[in-house]
Amino acid sequence: MPTHGSLTKAGKVRGQTPKIEGKKRVSPISKLRNKINFVKRFEKRRQPGQKKPERMGRRR
């Protein structure tokens, strides 16, 4: 059975492609983000959203 391409050409395109460095992370890694959210929600008992009880009643 014939092959779909010669083995001498294998990896030709990948070898010619220039190496690009990865980008730096801007947001914290997901495990750390989950830990921060846990602390905010369950240990500090903060309410989610913009209408927080401690901010209600300040507008005049």
Protein backbone atom coordinates (compact mmCIF):
# COMPACT_ATOMS: atom_id res chain seq x y z
CA MET A 1 0.00 0.00 0.00
CA PRO A 2 1.33 3.43 -0.84
CA THR A 3 1.79 6.00 1.92
CA HIS A 4 0.24 9.47 1.95
CA GLY A 5 3.59 11.24 1.88
CA SER A 6 7.25 10.48 2.06
CA LEU A 7 8.90 10.22 5.46
CA THR A 8 11.70 12.55 4.36
CA LYS A 9 9.23 15.47 4.34
CA ALA A 10 7.81 14.71 7.78
CA GLY A 11 7.84 17.73 10.12
CA LYS A 12 8.86 20.17 7.38
CA VAL A 13 6.32 22.89 8.19
CA ARG A 14 6.75 22.67 11.94
CA GLY A 15 10.51 22.96 11.59
CA GLN A 16 10.19 26.11 9.47
CA THR A 17 7.74 27.85 11.80
CA PRO A 18 9.41 30.46 14.06
CA LYS A 19 9.29 29.80 17.80
CA ILE A 20 7.00 32.18 19.69
CA GLU A 21 7.29 32.61 23.45
CA GLY A 22 4.15 32.18 25.53
CA LYS A 23 2.32 35.15 27.02
CA LYS A 24 2.54 36.00 30.69
CA ARG A 25 -0.55 35.26 32.76
CA VAL A 26 -2.57 38.32 33.68
CA SER A 27 -5.14 36.69 35.92
CA PRO A 28 -4.22 34.46 38.85
CA ILE A 29 -4.20 30.72 38.25
CA SER A 30 -7.56 29.03 38.68
CA LYS A 31 -6.69 27.20 41.91
CA LEU A 32 -5.66 30.46 43.56
CA ARG A 33 -8.74 32.26 42.19
CA ASN A 34 -11.02 29.55 43.59
CA LYS A 35 -9.34 29.83 47.00
CA ILE A 36 -9.81 33.63 47.03
CA ASN A 37 -13.47 33.24 46.09
CA PHE A 38 -13.97 30.65 48.84
CA VAL A 39 -12.49 32.98 51.45
CA LYS A 40 -14.68 35.86 50.30
CA ARG A 41 -17.92 33.86 50.17
CA PHE A 42 -17.70 31.50 53.13
CA GLU A 43 -15.13 32.82 55.59
CA LYS A 44 -15.90 36.54 55.26
CA ARG A 45 -19.61 35.95 54.43
CA ARG A 46 -19.64 38.57 51.67
CA GLN A 47 -22.71 38.86 49.45
CA PRO A 48 -22.15 38.64 45.69
CA GLY A 49 -23.15 41.44 43.33
CA GLN A 50 -23.23 45.21 43.42
CA LYS A 51 -26.09 45.67 45.88
CA LYS A 52 -24.21 44.83 49.05
CA PRO A 53 -25.93 45.34 52.42
CA GLU A 54 -23.13 47.52 53.80
CA ARG A 55 -23.49 49.95 50.88
CA MET A 56 -27.28 50.28 51.10
CA GLY A 57 -28.55 53.57 52.53
CA ARG A 58 -25.46 55.67 51.79
CA ARG A 59 -27.01 57.54 48.83
CA ARG A 60 -28.56 60.92 49.58
